[in-house]
Amino acid sequence: METYQKRISLNEQILSSLRKAKVFKLHEKRVNSMDFSSNGEFVITSGEDENLQLYSAIQGKHLKTIPVKKYGAGLVRFTHHNSAAICASQNDFDHSLRYLSIHENRYLRYFQGHCERVISLAMSPRDDTFFSSSLDKSIRFWDLRDERCQGILRCHGRCVVDYDPEGVVFGVAYSEGRKLVIKLFDLRQFYLGPFYDTTRDVPTTADTSCLKFSKDGRFMLVTTAEPQPKIQLFDAIEPAHLLFTYTGHSNDESNYLEASFTPDSRQVLSGSEDGSILIWSTNTGKHIVTLTGHEGPTCAVQWNPQYAMMASACQNVVFWLPSTVST
């Protein structure tokens, strides 16, 4: 596998030409989480089989299996160092976060405070701080250099969190009855409360499962886990302004399916319960292409932050490359 490294435009032709370049069948159960390193060279996945798997995105090969039997393998995110990651537990007795040295295969620090499972992790794009949110209805602010919690926000529901691309603002979203609540905070004074707070009526009581900002800072997406799934695209400056609602993917069993942006912020990607991947435009709201390639629900899908490559996962992990390249 050779990752295409010249700058290209992710137009409809390129996206429609995506083909499976590598399929990895290493996890024995479904994948819980996936992340690219910031330089685009590595991919890490966590699975229900209580293992982390590390891959080379450039060479298209598996590099390492990291067993985490004691804690389980929940969410995983690379830090700014390609050889380290933040890992969340996936069990009923320990809900700590762990700072993992991938190279040395040991934990550098433990972050304790949540009393239920962590459901959202966001690494700051500018420094070594990060956010976590949990089923205990709290969001905690951490610094990799200090095991102590740096700040706490209490929520009224299953809240998810993400940083804006500048790392100055963070967003929080959660469902409250038949309402979707979105709040924006200034990181420098979040203790003063949100500077933006909006509530939208929605025809569902489904859990909010994902919140992400686009890299250009213009958009914010929110997903819900429900049988008739939808992805809502908002104006990140004025979240009360709903731009588009993306539908067409399936989710009869209300899985937590990841949605994400391409690095140029021009497309939204999402997995589907039927094993497909759908791609839509952020400018027109138009559905661009549906890709097939998984046997089970596509629970994770992300575009490489640096290269023309996509990764997705059900139980298997798939690397996708365009078969047509135009400059």
C-alpha atoms as a PDB file:
ATOM      1  CA  MET A   1       0.000   0.000   0.000  1.00  0.00           C
ATOM      2  CA  GLU A   2       1.360   3.397  -0.989  1.00  0.00           C
ATOM      3  CA  THR A   3      -0.311   6.458   0.492  1.00  0.00           C
ATOM      4  CA  TYR A   4      -0.657   9.297  -2.011  1.00  0.00           C
ATOM      5  CA  GLN A   5       1.313  12.231  -0.582  1.00  0.00           C
ATOM      6  CA  LYS A   6       0.843  15.121  -3.039  1.00  0.00           C
ATOM      7  CA  ARG A   7      -1.752  17.772  -2.329  1.00  0.00           C
ATOM      8  CA  ILE A   8      -5.026  16.925  -4.044  1.00  0.00           C
ATOM      9  CA  SER A   9      -8.578  18.219  -3.988  1.00  0.00           C
ATOM     10  CA  LEU A  10     -11.098  15.899  -2.350  1.00  0.00           C
ATOM     11  CA  ASN A  11     -13.684  16.321  -5.083  1.00  0.00           C
ATOM     12  CA  GLU A  12     -16.529  13.966  -5.979  1.00  0.00           C
ATOM     13  CA  GLN A  13     -14.350  12.080  -8.452  1.00  0.00           C
ATOM     14  CA  ILE A  14     -11.735  11.298  -5.816  1.00  0.00           C
ATOM     15  CA  LEU A  15     -14.267  10.355  -3.147  1.00  0.00           C
ATOM     16  CA  SER A  16     -16.258   8.141  -5.505  1.00  0.00           C
ATOM     17  CA  SER A  17     -13.081   6.304  -6.490  1.00  0.00           C
ATOM     18  CA  LEU A  18     -12.192   5.206  -2.946  1.00  0.00           C
ATOM     19  CA  ARG A  19     -11.347   1.509  -2.801  1.00  0.00           C
ATOM     20  CA  LYS A  20     -10.246  -0.846  -0.046  1.00  0.00           C
ATOM     21  CA  ALA A  21      -6.441  -0.966   0.006  1.00  0.00           C
ATOM     22  CA  LYS A  22      -5.956  -2.969   3.208  1.00  0.00           C
ATOM     23  CA  VAL A  23      -8.220  -5.020   5.457  1.00  0.00           C
ATOM     24  CA  PHE A  24      -7.000  -5.960   8.942  1.00  0.00           C
ATOM     25  CA  LYS A  25      -8.739  -8.788  10.818  1.00  0.00           C
ATOM     26  CA  LEU A  26      -6.990  -8.490  14.166  1.00  0.00           C
ATOM     27  CA  HIS A  27      -9.749  -7.608  16.607  1.00  0.00           C
ATOM     28  CA  GLU A  28     -11.804 -10.580  17.811  1.00  0.00           C
ATOM     29  CA  LYS A  29     -14.777  -8.344  18.658  1.00  0.00           C
ATOM     30  CA  ARG A  30     -16.069  -5.008  17.396  1.00  0.00           C
ATOM     31  CA  VAL A  31     -13.929  -1.875  17.416  1.00  0.00           C
ATOM     32  CA  ASN A  32     -14.878   0.750  20.005  1.00  0.00           C
ATOM     33  CA  SER A  33     -12.740   3.657  18.840  1.00  0.00           C
ATOM     34  CA  MET A  34     -10.166   4.767  16.286  1.00  0.00           C
ATOM     35  CA  ASP A  35      -7.785   7.703  15.899  1.00  0.00           C
ATOM     36  CA  PHE A  36      -5.087   9.026  13.563  1.00  0.00           C
ATOM     37  CA  SER A  37      -1.882  10.571  14.853  1.00  0.00           C
ATOM     38  CA  SER A  38      -1.644  14.290  14.079  1.00  0.00           C
ATOM     39  CA  ASN A  39       1.066  13.701  11.447  1.00  0.00           C
ATOM     40  CA  GLY A  40      -1.140  11.131   9.708  1.00  0.00           C
ATOM     41  CA  GLU A  41       1.431   8.357   9.952  1.00  0.00           C
ATOM     42  CA  PHE A  42      -0.267   6.085  12.486  1.00  0.00           C
ATOM     43  CA  VAL A  43      -3.705   4.695  13.314  1.00  0.00           C
ATOM     44  CA  ILE A  44      -4.720   3.228  16.666  1.00  0.00           C
ATOM     45  CA  THR A  45      -7.883   1.240  17.398  1.00  0.00           C
ATOM     46  CA  SER A  46      -9.475  -0.085  20.585  1.00  0.00           C
ATOM     47  CA  GLY A  47     -11.726  -3.114  20.673  1.00  0.00           C
ATOM     48  CA  GLU A  48     -14.243  -5.023  22.757  1.00  0.00           C
ATOM     49  CA  ASP A  49     -11.629  -7.806  22.796  1.00  0.00           C
ATOM     50  CA  GLU A  50      -9.637  -5.679  25.291  1.00  0.00           C
ATOM     51  CA  ASN A  51      -6.808  -4.939  22.879  1.00  0.00           C
ATOM     52  CA  LEU A  52      -5.354  -1.839  21.270  1.00  0.00           C
ATOM     53  CA  GLN A  53      -3.966  -2.224  17.754  1.00  0.00           C
ATOM     54  CA  LEU A  54      -1.390   0.102  16.180  1.00  0.00           C
ATOM     55  CA  TYR A  55      -0.984   0.456  12.401  1.00  0.00           C
ATOM     56  CA  SER A  56       1.228   2.331   9.970  1.00  0.00           C
ATOM     57  CA  ALA A  57      -1.005   4.465   7.764  1.00  0.00           C
ATOM     58  CA  ILE A  58       1.901   5.085   5.377  1.00  0.00           C
ATOM     59  CA  GLN A  59       3.039   1.500   4.926  1.00  0.00           C
ATOM     60  CA  GLY A  60      -0.385  -0.029   5.350  1.00  0.00           C
ATOM     61  CA  LYS A  61       0.682  -2.612   7.887  1.00  0.00           C
ATOM     62  CA  HIS A  62      -0.004  -3.678  11.446  1.00  0.00           C
ATOM     63  CA  LEU A  63       2.705  -2.664  13.914  1.00  0.00           C
ATOM     64  CA  LYS A  64       1.717  -3.753  17.386  1.00  0.00           C
ATOM     65  CA  THR A  65      -0.903  -5.322  19.655  1.00  0.00           C
ATOM     66  CA  ILE A  66      -1.243  -3.803  23.135  1.00  0.00           C
ATOM     67  CA  PRO A  67      -3.353  -5.910  25.530  1.00  0.00           C
ATOM     68  CA  VAL A  68      -5.368  -3.954  28.116  1.00  0.00           C
ATOM     69  CA  LYS A  69      -7.192  -6.841  29.777  1.00  0.00           C
ATOM     70  CA  LYS A  70      -7.267  -5.269  33.240  1.00  0.00           C
ATOM     71  CA  TYR A  71      -9.068  -2.082  32.211  1.00  0.00           C
ATOM     72  CA  GLY A  72     -10.673  -2.893  28.883  1.00  0.00           C
ATOM     73  CA  ALA A  73     -10.340  -0.787  25.744  1.00  0.00           C
ATOM     74  CA  GLY A  74     -12.770   2.118  25.566  1.00  0.00           C
ATOM     75  CA  LEU A  75     -12.074   5.369  23.754  1.00  0.00           C
ATOM     76  CA  VAL A  76      -8.514   6.042  22.594  1.00  0.00           C
ATOM     77  CA  ARG A  77      -6.911   9.278  21.348  1.00  0.00           C
ATOM     78  CA  PHE A  78      -3.365  10.089  20.314  1.00  0.00           C
ATOM     79  CA  THR A  79      -1.658  12.896  22.194  1.00  0.00           C
ATOM     80  CA  HIS A  80       0.557  15.313  20.242  1.00  0.00           C
ATOM     81  CA  HIS A  81       3.283  12.677  20.452  1.00  0.00           C
ATOM     82  CA  ASN A  82       2.847   9.819  18.008  1.00  0.00           C
ATOM     83  CA  SER A  83       4.124   7.350  20.596  1.00  0.00           C
ATOM     84  CA  ALA A  84       1.561   8.189  23.301  1.00  0.00           C
ATOM     85  CA  ALA A  85      -2.208   7.985  23.707  1.00  0.00           C
ATOM     86  CA  ILE A  86      -5.006   8.619  26.190  1.00  0.00           C
ATOM     87  CA  CYS A  87      -7.074   5.500  26.879  1.00  0.00           C
ATOM     88  CA  ALA A  88     -10.441   5.192  28.604  1.00  0.00           C
ATOM     89  CA  SER A  89     -11.453   2.115  30.565  1.00  0.00           C
ATOM     90  CA  GLN A  90     -14.231  -0.194  29.405  1.00  0.00           C
ATOM     91  CA  ASN A  91     -15.392  -2.097  32.465  1.00  0.00           C
ATOM     92  CA  ASP A  92     -17.738  -1.832  35.441  1.00  0.00           C
ATOM     93  CA  PHE A  93     -15.223  -1.184  38.209  1.00  0.00           C
ATOM     94  CA  ASP A  94     -12.680   1.344  36.908  1.00  0.00           C
ATOM     95  CA  HIS A  95     -13.468   4.529  34.997  1.00  0.00           C
ATOM     96  CA  SER A  96     -10.047   6.147  35.002  1.00  0.00           C
ATOM     97  CA  LEU A  97      -8.185   7.536  32.016  1.00  0.00           C
ATOM     98  CA  ARG A  98      -4.653   6.354  31.344  1.00  0.00           C
ATOM     99  CA  TYR A  99      -1.731   8.093  29.658  1.00  0.00           C
ATOM    100  CA  LEU A 100      -0.096   5.305  27.653  1.00  0.00           C
ATOM    101  CA  SER A 101       3.427   5.194  26.257  1.00  0.00           C
ATOM    102  CA  ILE A 102       2.895   3.112  23.121  1.00  0.00           C
ATOM    103  CA  HIS A 103       6.625   2.720  22.564  1.00  0.00           C
ATOM    104  CA  GLU A 104       7.353   1.500  26.101  1.00  0.00           C
ATOM    105  CA  ASN A 105       3.994  -0.239  26.545  1.00  0.00           C
ATOM    106  CA  ARG A 106       3.449   1.247  30.014  1.00  0.00           C
ATOM    107  CA  TYR A 107       1.210   3.816  31.658  1.00  0.00           C
ATOM    108  CA  LEU A 108       2.800   7.160  32.441  1.00  0.00           C
ATOM    109  CA  ARG A 109      -0.074   8.599  34.458  1.00  0.00           C
ATOM    110  CA  TYR A 110      -3.602   7.834  35.655  1.00  0.00           C
ATOM    111  CA  PHE A 111      -6.447  10.374  35.650  1.00  0.00           C
ATOM    112  CA  GLN A 112      -9.125   9.474  38.183  1.00  0.00           C
ATOM    113  CA  GLY A 113     -12.382  11.236  38.926  1.00  0.00           C
ATOM    114  CA  HIS A 114     -15.173   9.876  36.732  1.00  0.00           C
ATOM    115  CA  CYS A 115     -17.477   7.397  38.449  1.00  0.00           C
ATOM    116  CA  GLU A 116     -19.072   6.024  35.264  1.00  0.00           C
ATOM    117  CA  ARG A 117     -17.888   5.129  31.758  1.00  0.00           C
ATOM    118  CA  VAL A 118     -16.172   7.833  29.674  1.00  0.00           C
ATOM    119  CA  ILE A 119     -18.060   8.449  26.420  1.00  0.00           C
ATOM    120  CA  SER A 120     -16.202  11.402  24.880  1.00  0.00           C
ATOM    121  CA  LEU A 121     -12.515  12.376  24.669  1.00  0.00           C
ATOM    122  CA  ALA A 122     -11.082  15.494  23.031  1.00  0.00           C
ATOM    123  CA  MET A 123      -7.393  16.418  22.842  1.00  0.00           C
ATOM    124  CA  SER A 124      -6.538  20.113  22.614  1.00  0.00           C
ATOM    125  CA  PRO A 125      -5.120  21.100  19.204  1.00  0.00           C
ATOM    126  CA  ARG A 126      -2.725  23.571  20.831  1.00  0.00           C
ATOM    127  CA  ASP A 127      -1.327  22.067  24.069  1.00  0.00           C
ATOM    128  CA  ASP A 128      -1.324  19.018  26.370  1.00  0.00           C
ATOM    129  CA  THR A 129      -4.771  19.545  27.857  1.00  0.00           C
ATOM    130  CA  PHE A 130      -7.809  17.417  27.088  1.00  0.00           C
ATOM    131  CA  PHE A 131     -11.477  16.978  27.960  1.00  0.00           C
ATOM    132  CA  SER A 132     -13.419  13.887  28.921  1.00  0.00           C
ATOM    133  CA  SER A 133     -17.148  13.422  29.403  1.00  0.00           C
ATOM    134  CA  SER A 134     -18.832  10.553  31.180  1.00  0.00           C
ATOM    135  CA  LEU A 135     -22.145   8.879  31.870  1.00  0.00           C
ATOM    136  CA  ASP A 136     -21.792  10.420  35.336  1.00  0.00           C
ATOM    137  CA  LYS A 137     -23.054  13.630  33.653  1.00  0.00           C
ATOM    138  CA  SER A 138     -19.810  15.516  34.062  1.00  0.00           C
ATOM    139  CA  ILE A 139     -17.096  16.944  31.836  1.00  0.00           C
ATOM    140  CA  ARG A 140     -13.586  17.036  33.244  1.00  0.00           C
ATOM    141  CA  PHE A 141     -10.643  19.134  32.108  1.00  0.00           C
ATOM    142  CA  TRP A 142      -7.169  17.565  32.370  1.00  0.00           C
ATOM    143  CA  ASP A 143      -3.497  18.279  31.717  1.00  0.00           C
ATOM    144  CA  LEU A 144      -1.177  15.433  30.693  1.00  0.00           C
ATOM    145  CA  ARG A 145       1.467  16.803  33.053  1.00  0.00           C
ATOM    146  CA  ASP A 146      -0.715  16.569  36.168  1.00  0.00           C
ATOM    147  CA  GLU A 147      -2.915  13.713  37.342  1.00  0.00           C
ATOM    148  CA  ARG A 148      -5.235  16.125  39.142  1.00  0.00           C
ATOM    149  CA  CYS A 149      -8.442  17.253  37.460  1.00  0.00           C
ATOM    150  CA  GLN A 150      -8.131  20.886  36.325  1.00  0.00           C
ATOM    151  CA  GLY A 151     -11.849  21.663  36.214  1.00  0.00           C
ATOM    152  CA  ILE A 152     -15.344  20.138  36.197  1.00  0.00           C
ATOM    153  CA  LEU A 153     -18.595  20.984  34.417  1.00  0.00           C
ATOM    154  CA  ARG A 154     -21.868  19.345  35.421  1.00  0.00           C
ATOM    155  CA  CYS A 155     -24.339  18.427  32.671  1.00  0.00           C
ATOM    156  CA  HIS A 156     -28.004  17.448  32.633  1.00  0.00           C
ATOM    157  CA  GLY A 157     -27.618  14.464  30.341  1.00  0.00           C
ATOM    158  CA  ARG A 158     -25.320  12.287  28.251  1.00  0.00           C
ATOM    159  CA  CYS A 159     -22.971  15.043  27.127  1.00  0.00           C
ATOM    160  CA  VAL A 160     -20.295  14.997  24.433  1.00  0.00           C
ATOM    161  CA  VAL A 161     -17.494  17.536  24.031  1.00  0.00           C
ATOM    162  CA  ASP A 162     -14.991  18.813  21.467  1.00  0.00           C
ATOM    163  CA  TYR A 163     -12.494  21.651  20.981  1.00  0.00           C
ATOM    164  CA  ASP A 164     -12.724  24.167  18.185  1.00  0.00           C
ATOM    165  CA  PRO A 165      -9.679  24.020  15.841  1.00  0.00           C
ATOM    166  CA  GLU A 166      -7.950  26.918  17.629  1.00  0.00           C
ATOM    167  CA  GLY A 167      -8.223  25.236  21.014  1.00  0.00           C
ATOM    168  CA  VAL A 168      -9.739  28.370  22.575  1.00  0.00           C
ATOM    169  CA  VAL A 169     -13.426  27.416  22.511  1.00  0.00           C
ATOM    170  CA  PHE A 170     -15.031  24.100  23.339  1.00  0.00           C
ATOM    171  CA  GLY A 171     -18.524  22.878  22.637  1.00  0.00           C
ATOM    172  CA  VAL A 172     -20.852  20.660  24.641  1.00  0.00           C
ATOM    173  CA  ALA A 173     -23.973  18.921  23.337  1.00  0.00           C
ATOM    174  CA  TYR A 174     -26.557  16.727  25.027  1.00  0.00           C
ATOM    175  CA  SER A 175     -30.174  15.650  24.713  1.00  0.00           C
ATOM    176  CA  GLU A 176     -32.687  16.780  27.310  1.00  0.00           C
ATOM    177  CA  GLY A 177     -36.099  15.283  26.672  1.00  0.00           C
ATOM    178  CA  ARG A 178     -37.032  16.205  23.123  1.00  0.00           C
ATOM    179  CA  LYS A 179     -34.502  18.985  23.025  1.00  0.00           C
ATOM    180  CA  LEU A 180     -30.926  19.203  21.778  1.00  0.00           C
ATOM    181  CA  VAL A 181     -28.812  21.525  23.907  1.00  0.00           C
ATOM    182  CA  ILE A 182     -25.596  23.050  22.510  1.00  0.00           C
ATOM    183  CA  LYS A 183     -23.304  25.240  24.593  1.00  0.00           C
ATOM    184  CA  LEU A 184     -20.071  27.022  23.715  1.00  0.00           C
ATOM    185  CA  PHE A 185     -17.481  27.955  26.337  1.00  0.00           C
ATOM    186  CA  ASP A 186     -14.371  30.112  26.359  1.00  0.00           C
ATOM    187  CA  LEU A 187     -11.674  27.792  27.687  1.00  0.00           C
ATOM    188  CA  ARG A 188      -9.932  30.660  29.480  1.00  0.00           C
ATOM    189  CA  GLN A 189     -12.977  31.358  31.661  1.00  0.00           C
ATOM    190  CA  PHE A 190     -15.313  28.399  31.307  1.00  0.00           C
ATOM    191  CA  TYR A 191     -16.101  28.644  35.016  1.00  0.00           C
ATOM    192  CA  LEU A 192     -18.210  31.700  34.141  1.00  0.00           C
ATOM    193  CA  GLY A 193     -20.557  29.503  32.119  1.00  0.00           C
ATOM    194  CA  PRO A 194     -21.257  29.326  28.372  1.00  0.00           C
ATOM    195  CA  PHE A 195     -21.044  32.410  26.204  1.00  0.00           C
ATOM    196  CA  TYR A 196     -23.464  30.737  23.794  1.00  0.00           C
ATOM    197  CA  ASP A 197     -26.379  28.521  24.788  1.00  0.00           C
ATOM    198  CA  THR A 198     -29.068  27.291  22.409  1.00  0.00           C
ATOM    199  CA  THR A 199     -31.795  24.671  22.590  1.00  0.00           C
ATOM    200  CA  ARG A 200     -33.482  23.059  19.591  1.00  0.00           C
ATOM    201  CA  ASP A 201     -36.691  21.053  19.581  1.00  0.00           C
ATOM    202  CA  VAL A 202     -36.062  17.624  18.065  1.00  0.00           C
ATOM    203  CA  PRO A 203     -38.487  14.749  17.351  1.00  0.00           C
ATOM    204  CA  THR A 204     -36.575  12.222  19.455  1.00  0.00           C
ATOM    205  CA  THR A 205     -35.298  11.465  22.934  1.00  0.00           C
ATOM    206  CA  ALA A 206     -32.259   9.598  21.558  1.00  0.00           C
ATOM    207  CA  ASP A 207     -28.824  10.045  23.108  1.00  0.00           C
ATOM    208  CA  THR A 208     -26.428  12.565  21.601  1.00  0.00           C
ATOM    209  CA  SER A 209     -23.494  10.423  20.522  1.00  0.00           C
ATOM    210  CA  CYS A 210     -20.966  12.686  18.800  1.00  0.00           C
ATOM    211  CA  LEU A 211     -19.953  16.353  18.544  1.00  0.00           C
ATOM    212  CA  LYS A 212     -17.184  17.547  16.247  1.00  0.00           C
ATOM    213  CA  PHE A 213     -15.875  20.845  14.883  1.00  0.00           C
ATOM    214  CA  SER A 214     -14.579  21.120  11.335  1.00  0.00           C
ATOM    215  CA  LYS A 215     -10.925  22.002  10.889  1.00  0.00           C
ATOM    216  CA  ASP A 216     -11.727  25.388   9.311  1.00  0.00           C
ATOM    217  CA  GLY A 217     -13.882  26.302  12.318  1.00  0.00           C
ATOM    218  CA  ARG A 218     -16.999  26.951  10.235  1.00  0.00           C
ATOM    219  CA  PHE A 219     -19.053  23.885  11.047  1.00  0.00           C
ATOM    220  CA  MET A 220     -20.096  21.708  13.931  1.00  0.00           C
ATOM    221  CA  LEU A 221     -21.799  18.326  13.594  1.00  0.00           C
ATOM    222  CA  VAL A 222     -23.956  16.503  16.124  1.00  0.00           C
ATOM    223  CA  THR A 223     -25.136  12.898  15.836  1.00  0.00           C
ATOM    224  CA  THR A 224     -27.716  10.871  17.742  1.00  0.00           C
ATOM    225  CA  ALA A 225     -27.967   7.126  18.375  1.00  0.00           C
ATOM    226  CA  GLU A 226     -31.409   6.153  17.110  1.00  0.00           C
ATOM    227  CA  PRO A 227     -33.105   3.781  14.616  1.00  0.00           C
ATOM    228  CA  GLN A 228     -33.668   6.643  12.163  1.00  0.00           C
ATOM    229  CA  PRO A 229     -30.260   8.298  12.487  1.00  0.00           C
ATOM    230  CA  LYS A 230     -29.395  11.778  11.407  1.00  0.00           C
ATOM    231  CA  ILE A 231     -26.390  14.051  11.441  1.00  0.00           C
ATOM    232  CA  GLN A 232     -27.097  17.729  12.020  1.00  0.00           C
ATOM    233  CA  LEU A 233     -24.652  20.265  10.612  1.00  0.00           C
ATOM    234  CA  PHE A 234     -24.610  23.627  12.389  1.00  0.00           C
ATOM    235  CA  ASP A 235     -22.923  26.952  11.866  1.00  0.00           C
ATOM    236  CA  ALA A 236     -20.149  26.820  14.487  1.00  0.00           C
ATOM    237  CA  ILE A 237     -20.374  30.575  15.080  1.00  0.00           C
ATOM    238  CA  GLU A 238     -24.164  30.581  15.448  1.00  0.00           C
ATOM    239  CA  PRO A 239     -25.145  27.010  16.446  1.00  0.00           C
ATOM    240  CA  ALA A 240     -28.821  27.988  16.441  1.00  0.00           C
ATOM    241  CA  HIS A 241     -28.444  28.034  12.647  1.00  0.00           C
ATOM    242  CA  LEU A 242     -28.984  24.489  11.371  1.00  0.00           C
ATOM    243  CA  LEU A 243     -27.422  24.211   7.913  1.00  0.00           C
ATOM    244  CA  PHE A 244     -28.234  20.647   6.859  1.00  0.00           C
ATOM    245  CA  THR A 245     -29.555  17.378   8.209  1.00  0.00           C
ATOM    246  CA  TYR A 246     -27.916  14.301   6.706  1.00  0.00           C
ATOM    247  CA  THR A 247     -29.862  11.036   6.512  1.00  0.00           C
ATOM    248  CA  GLY A 248     -29.735   7.807   4.524  1.00  0.00           C
ATOM    249  CA  HIS A 249     -27.649   5.638   6.825  1.00  0.00           C
ATOM    250  CA  SER A 250     -29.201   2.863   8.921  1.00  0.00           C
ATOM    251  CA  ASN A 251     -29.072   2.226  12.663  1.00  0.00           C
ATOM    252  CA  ASP A 252     -31.935  -0.046  13.731  1.00  0.00           C
ATOM    253  CA  GLU A 253     -30.137  -1.108  16.922  1.00  0.00           C
ATOM    254  CA  SER A 254     -29.194   2.474  17.916  1.00  0.00           C
ATOM    255  CA  ASN A 255     -25.435   1.905  17.719  1.00  0.00           C
ATOM    256  CA  TYR A 256     -23.067   4.770  18.458  1.00  0.00           C
ATOM    257  CA  LEU A 257     -21.834   5.474  14.933  1.00  0.00           C
ATOM    258  CA  GLU A 258     -19.002   7.951  14.432  1.00  0.00           C
ATOM    259  CA  ALA A 259     -19.280  10.871  12.017  1.00  0.00           C
ATOM    260  CA  SER A 260     -16.374  13.143  11.104  1.00  0.00           C
ATOM    261  CA  PHE A 261     -15.144  15.808   8.691  1.00  0.00           C
ATOM    262  CA  THR A 262     -12.579  15.594   5.938  1.00  0.00           C
ATOM    263  CA  PRO A 263      -9.507  17.797   6.639  1.00  0.00           C
ATOM    264  CA  ASP A 264     -10.661  20.425   4.123  1.00  0.00           C
ATOM    265  CA  SER A 265     -14.029  20.643   5.944  1.00  0.00           C
ATOM    266  CA  ARG A 266     -15.889  20.148   2.666  1.00  0.00           C
ATOM    267  CA  GLN A 267     -17.366  16.731   3.456  1.00  0.00           C
ATOM    268  CA  VAL A 268     -18.919  14.781   6.316  1.00  0.00           C
ATOM    269  CA  LEU A 269     -18.331  11.033   6.672  1.00  0.00           C
ATOM    270  CA  SER A 270     -20.463   8.583   8.629  1.00  0.00           C
ATOM    271  CA  GLY A 271     -20.660   4.877   9.235  1.00  0.00           C
ATOM    272  CA  SER A 272     -23.873   2.903   8.973  1.00  0.00           C
ATOM    273  CA  GLU A 273     -25.305  -0.196  10.631  1.00  0.00           C
ATOM    274  CA  ASP A 274     -25.412  -2.007   7.276  1.00  0.00           C
ATOM    275  CA  GLY A 275     -21.613  -1.759   6.972  1.00  0.00           C
ATOM    276  CA  SER A 276     -21.541   1.113   4.500  1.00  0.00           C
ATOM    277  CA  ILE A 277     -19.948   4.574   4.672  1.00  0.00           C
ATOM    278  CA  LEU A 278     -21.798   7.661   3.478  1.00  0.00           C
ATOM    279  CA  ILE A 279     -20.242  10.964   2.419  1.00  0.00           C
ATOM    280  CA  TRP A 280     -22.072  14.296   2.104  1.00  0.00           C
ATOM    281  CA  SER A 281     -21.118  17.849   1.115  1.00  0.00           C
ATOM    282  CA  THR A 282     -20.973  20.578   3.770  1.00  0.00           C
ATOM    283  CA  ASN A 283     -21.567  23.265   1.135  1.00  0.00           C
ATOM    284  CA  THR A 284     -24.665  21.850  -0.563  1.00  0.00           C
ATOM    285  CA  GLY A 285     -25.869  19.138   1.814  1.00  0.00           C
ATOM    286  CA  LYS A 286     -25.818  16.752  -1.136  1.00  0.00           C
ATOM    287  CA  HIS A 287     -25.103  13.046  -0.714  1.00  0.00           C
ATOM    288  CA  ILE A 288     -21.912  12.313  -2.672  1.00  0.00           C
ATOM    289  CA  VAL A 289     -21.280   8.570  -2.450  1.00  0.00           C
ATOM    290  CA  THR A 290     -22.010   5.441  -0.436  1.00  0.00           C
ATOM    291  CA  LEU A 291     -19.117   3.010  -0.030  1.00  0.00           C
ATOM    292  CA  THR A 292     -19.570  -0.642   0.921  1.00  0.00           C
ATOM    293  CA  GLY A 293     -16.928  -2.750   2.589  1.00  0.00           C
ATOM    294  CA  HIS A 294     -17.844  -3.896   6.098  1.00  0.00           C
ATOM    295  CA  GLU A 295     -19.681  -6.980   7.310  1.00  0.00           C
ATOM    296  CA  GLY A 296     -20.962  -5.320  10.489  1.00  0.00           C
ATOM    297  CA  PRO A 297     -21.928  -1.814  11.630  1.00  0.00           C
ATOM    298  CA  THR A 298     -19.301   0.756  10.622  1.00  0.00           C
ATOM    299  CA  CYS A 299     -18.818   2.247  14.070  1.00  0.00           C
ATOM    300  CA  ALA A 300     -15.722   4.357  13.307  1.00  0.00           C
ATOM    301  CA  VAL A 301     -14.689   6.354  10.243  1.00  0.00           C
ATOM    302  CA  GLN A 302     -12.074   9.094   9.879  1.00  0.00           C
ATOM    303  CA  TRP A 303     -10.070  10.757   7.137  1.00  0.00           C
ATOM    304  CA  ASN A 304      -6.299  10.948   7.506  1.00  0.00           C
ATOM    305  CA  PRO A 305      -5.418  14.521   8.640  1.00  0.00           C
ATOM    306  CA  GLN A 306      -2.456  14.715   6.238  1.00  0.00           C
ATOM    307  CA  TYR A 307      -2.873  12.222   3.395  1.00  0.00           C
ATOM    308  CA  ALA A 308      -5.456  11.102   0.834  1.00  0.00           C
ATOM    309  CA  MET A 309      -6.578   8.109   2.848  1.00  0.00           C
ATOM    310  CA  MET A 310      -9.586   7.076   4.909  1.00  0.00           C
ATOM    311  CA  ALA A 311      -9.874   4.473   7.672  1.00  0.00           C
ATOM    312  CA  SER A 312     -13.015   2.754   8.927  1.00  0.00           C
ATOM    313  CA  ALA A 313     -13.848  -0.054  11.306  1.00  0.00           C
ATOM    314  CA  CYS A 314     -16.497  -2.560  12.322  1.00  0.00           C
ATOM    315  CA  GLN A 315     -14.662  -5.562  13.775  1.00  0.00           C
ATOM    316  CA  ASN A 316     -12.242  -5.371  10.889  1.00  0.00           C
ATOM    317  CA  VAL A 317     -10.237  -2.229  10.119  1.00  0.00           C
ATOM    318  CA  VAL A 318     -10.139  -1.006   6.519  1.00  0.00           C
ATOM    319  CA  PHE A 319      -7.770   1.483   4.872  1.00  0.00           C
ATOM    320  CA  TRP A 320      -9.202   3.220   1.792  1.00  0.00           C
ATOM    321  CA  LEU A 321      -7.296   4.918  -1.031  1.00  0.00           C
ATOM    322  CA  PRO A 322      -8.558   6.750  -4.127  1.00  0.00           C
ATOM    323  CA  SER A 323      -8.059   4.852  -7.359  1.00  0.00           C
ATOM    324  CA  THR A 324      -8.298   8.098  -9.330  1.00  0.00           C
ATOM    325  CA  VAL A 325      -6.046  11.054  -8.462  1.00  0.00           C
ATOM    326  CA  SER A 326      -6.302  14.521  -9.989  1.00  0.00           C
ATOM    327  CA  THR A 327      -4.212  17.505  -8.878  1.00  0.00           C
END
